[in-house]
Every structure is written in structure tokens, then in C-alpha cells.
Amino acid sequence: MKTAERRLLSCILIFLVLFVLFGSLYFVLHESHHNCADEVCPVCAMIAICRNTIRSVSVVLLLFAFLFASLQFLFSLRCSDGADAAGNTPISLKVKLLN
């Protein structure tokens, strides 16, 4: 799979996740004050499903954000150690070796 195809697929997946998230949020906000006449209300059942979806997606997004932040932190620590050792050469320090 090419890089452009992967990028397109990831953008489509992100769009779908955001669509489901905001669609569920809209449904919960729009139907939260409906008149419940029956004990078995289909609107209340759908609101419960949407709330579970919002909860699940938010937990997954928080886990991904934590994983991304921790990987960035570890990568920055790793790069900072190697950059100092590789950056200090006699040429970069402009040292004349006359011996």
C-alpha cells in the first residue's frame, strides 16, 4: 500500500470516528428531553447506546493521546542524547589540531 493510499485511508477513518462521535453527541443533546411514555422506550435505549459510544470513543482517544505523548517524550530523550554526541566534532567546535 502506497503512502498516499495510507494517508487517504487514515483520513477516512478519522472522519468516520468523528462523525460517529459528533452524531452520537448530537442525538443525546437533541433527544435528552423527550417525553417517555412507555417503560421500554426506543429513544431511551438509543440514548444509552450513544452514551456508551461516546464513553468508549473518548477513552480510546485519551489512550491514543497518552501513547502519542509518551512516545514523543521518549523519542525526544533519545534524540537529545545522540545529538550532543554527534554534534561535538572538532570541525563543529572549530578546533585546530596542530599536533
C-alpha atoms as a PDB file:
ATOM      1  CA  MET A   1       0.000   0.000   0.000  1.00  0.00           C
ATOM      2  CA  LYS A   2       1.410   3.382  -1.003  1.00  0.00           C
ATOM      3  CA  THR A   3       1.861   6.318   1.313  1.00  0.00           C
ATOM      4  CA  ALA A   4      -0.867   8.357  -0.374  1.00  0.00           C
ATOM      5  CA  GLU A   5      -3.333   5.481  -0.051  1.00  0.00           C
ATOM      6  CA  ARG A   6      -2.489   5.040   3.628  1.00  0.00           C
ATOM      7  CA  ARG A   7      -2.936   8.740   4.236  1.00  0.00           C
ATOM      8  CA  LEU A   8      -6.302   8.720   2.466  1.00  0.00           C
ATOM      9  CA  LEU A   9      -7.455   5.661   4.406  1.00  0.00           C
ATOM     10  CA  SER A  10      -6.401   7.181   7.722  1.00  0.00           C
ATOM     11  CA  CYS A  11      -8.210  10.436   6.897  1.00  0.00           C
ATOM     12  CA  ILE A  12     -11.370   8.500   6.031  1.00  0.00           C
ATOM     13  CA  LEU A  13     -11.171   6.529   9.284  1.00  0.00           C
ATOM     14  CA  ILE A  14     -10.632   9.691  11.326  1.00  0.00           C
ATOM     15  CA  PHE A  15     -13.598  11.311   9.584  1.00  0.00           C
ATOM     16  CA  LEU A  16     -15.809   8.297  10.334  1.00  0.00           C
ATOM     17  CA  VAL A  17     -14.815   8.228  14.008  1.00  0.00           C
ATOM     18  CA  LEU A  18     -15.501  11.949  14.355  1.00  0.00           C
ATOM     19  CA  PHE A  19     -18.811  11.574  12.503  1.00  0.00           C
ATOM     20  CA  VAL A  20     -19.955   8.808  14.855  1.00  0.00           C
ATOM     21  CA  LEU A  21     -18.772  10.775  17.889  1.00  0.00           C
ATOM     22  CA  PHE A  22     -20.482  14.019  16.952  1.00  0.00           C
ATOM     23  CA  GLY A  23     -23.572  12.219  15.641  1.00  0.00           C
ATOM     24  CA  SER A  24     -23.975  10.440  18.961  1.00  0.00           C
ATOM     25  CA  LEU A  25     -23.401  13.676  20.840  1.00  0.00           C
ATOM     26  CA  TYR A  26     -25.993  15.477  18.711  1.00  0.00           C
ATOM     27  CA  PHE A  27     -28.568  12.721  19.238  1.00  0.00           C
ATOM     28  CA  VAL A  28     -28.067  12.725  23.002  1.00  0.00           C
ATOM     29  CA  LEU A  29     -28.341  16.507  23.207  1.00  0.00           C
ATOM     30  CA  HIS A  30     -31.325  16.683  20.881  1.00  0.00           C
ATOM     31  CA  GLU A  31     -33.370  13.862  22.398  1.00  0.00           C
ATOM     32  CA  SER A  32     -32.457  14.184  26.080  1.00  0.00           C
ATOM     33  CA  HIS A  33     -35.736  15.932  26.979  1.00  0.00           C
ATOM     34  CA  HIS A  34     -38.186  13.707  25.105  1.00  0.00           C
ATOM     35  CA  ASN A  35     -41.447  12.508  26.644  1.00  0.00           C
ATOM     36  CA  CYS A  36     -41.083   8.914  27.774  1.00  0.00           C
ATOM     37  CA  ALA A  37     -44.484   7.193  27.651  1.00  0.00           C
ATOM     38  CA  ASP A  38     -43.507   3.536  27.832  1.00  0.00           C
ATOM     39  CA  GLU A  39     -41.302   1.519  30.123  1.00  0.00           C
ATOM     40  CA  VAL A  40     -39.469   0.222  27.064  1.00  0.00           C
ATOM     41  CA  CYS A  41     -38.635   3.413  25.215  1.00  0.00           C
ATOM     42  CA  PRO A  42     -36.628   3.059  21.994  1.00  0.00           C
ATOM     43  CA  VAL A  43     -35.347   6.630  22.273  1.00  0.00           C
ATOM     44  CA  CYS A  44     -34.001   5.979  25.786  1.00  0.00           C
ATOM     45  CA  ALA A  45     -32.332   2.800  24.531  1.00  0.00           C
ATOM     46  CA  MET A  46     -30.712   4.717  21.682  1.00  0.00           C
ATOM     47  CA  ILE A  47     -29.556   7.434  24.084  1.00  0.00           C
ATOM     48  CA  ALA A  48     -27.935   4.744  26.240  1.00  0.00           C
ATOM     49  CA  ILE A  49     -26.171   3.306  23.178  1.00  0.00           C
ATOM     50  CA  CYS A  50     -24.955   6.765  22.139  1.00  0.00           C
ATOM     51  CA  ARG A  51     -23.669   7.499  25.653  1.00  0.00           C
ATOM     52  CA  ASN A  52     -21.763   4.212  25.680  1.00  0.00           C
ATOM     53  CA  THR A  53     -20.319   5.039  22.257  1.00  0.00           C
ATOM     54  CA  ILE A  54     -19.194   8.486  23.418  1.00  0.00           C
ATOM     55  CA  ARG A  55     -17.641   6.976  26.542  1.00  0.00           C
ATOM     56  CA  SER A  56     -15.821   4.275  24.585  1.00  0.00           C
ATOM     57  CA  VAL A  57     -14.502   6.585  21.882  1.00  0.00           C
ATOM     58  CA  SER A  58     -13.348   9.168  24.418  1.00  0.00           C
ATOM     59  CA  VAL A  59     -11.440   6.524  26.414  1.00  0.00           C
ATOM     60  CA  VAL A  60      -9.756   5.233  23.261  1.00  0.00           C
ATOM     61  CA  LEU A  61      -8.854   8.760  22.135  1.00  0.00           C
ATOM     62  CA  LEU A  62      -7.387   9.548  25.546  1.00  0.00           C
ATOM     63  CA  LEU A  63      -5.325   6.361  25.459  1.00  0.00           C
ATOM     64  CA  PHE A  64      -4.015   7.198  21.989  1.00  0.00           C
ATOM     65  CA  ALA A  65      -3.180  10.741  23.088  1.00  0.00           C
ATOM     66  CA  PHE A  66      -1.302   9.426  26.126  1.00  0.00           C
ATOM     67  CA  LEU A  67       0.563   6.884  23.990  1.00  0.00           C
ATOM     68  CA  PHE A  68       1.470   9.522  21.413  1.00  0.00           C
ATOM     69  CA  ALA A  69       2.671  11.963  24.088  1.00  0.00           C
ATOM     70  CA  SER A  70       4.760   9.330  25.847  1.00  0.00           C
ATOM     71  CA  LEU A  71       6.326   8.193  22.565  1.00  0.00           C
ATOM     72  CA  GLN A  72       7.145  11.788  21.666  1.00  0.00           C
ATOM     73  CA  PHE A  73       8.725  12.288  25.072  1.00  0.00           C
ATOM     74  CA  LEU A  74      10.801   9.119  24.809  1.00  0.00           C
ATOM     75  CA  PHE A  75      11.842   9.984  21.258  1.00  0.00           C
ATOM     76  CA  SER A  76      12.924  13.471  22.319  1.00  0.00           C
ATOM     77  CA  LEU A  77      15.000  11.986  25.160  1.00  0.00           C
ATOM     78  CA  ARG A  78      16.630   9.515  22.805  1.00  0.00           C
ATOM     79  CA  CYS A  79      17.390  12.133  20.162  1.00  0.00           C
ATOM     80  CA  SER A  80      18.792  14.644  22.629  1.00  0.00           C
ATOM     81  CA  ASP A  81      21.355  12.124  23.914  1.00  0.00           C
ATOM     82  CA  GLY A  82      22.578  11.190  20.439  1.00  0.00           C
ATOM     83  CA  ALA A  83      22.513  14.734  19.069  1.00  0.00           C
ATOM     84  CA  ASP A  84      25.002  16.026  21.641  1.00  0.00           C
ATOM     85  CA  ALA A  85      27.493  13.257  20.983  1.00  0.00           C
ATOM     86  CA  ALA A  86      27.231  13.527  17.198  1.00  0.00           C
ATOM     87  CA  GLY A  87      27.251  17.340  17.161  1.00  0.00           C
ATOM     88  CA  ASN A  88      30.539  17.832  19.025  1.00  0.00           C
ATOM     89  CA  THR A  89      33.223  17.267  16.435  1.00  0.00           C
ATOM     90  CA  PRO A  90      36.490  19.164  16.071  1.00  0.00           C
ATOM     91  CA  ILE A  91      35.153  20.801  12.926  1.00  0.00           C
ATOM     92  CA  SER A  92      31.921  21.951  14.557  1.00  0.00           C
ATOM     93  CA  LEU A  93      33.854  23.272  17.555  1.00  0.00           C
ATOM     94  CA  LYS A  94      36.410  24.888  15.178  1.00  0.00           C
ATOM     95  CA  VAL A  95      39.354  23.365  16.966  1.00  0.00           C
ATOM     96  CA  LYS A  96      42.738  23.395  15.237  1.00  0.00           C
ATOM     97  CA  LEU A  97      44.609  20.154  15.588  1.00  0.00           C
ATOM     98  CA  LEU A  98      48.235  21.295  15.158  1.00  0.00           C
ATOM     99  CA  ASN A  99      49.985  18.351  16.814  1.00  0.00           C
END
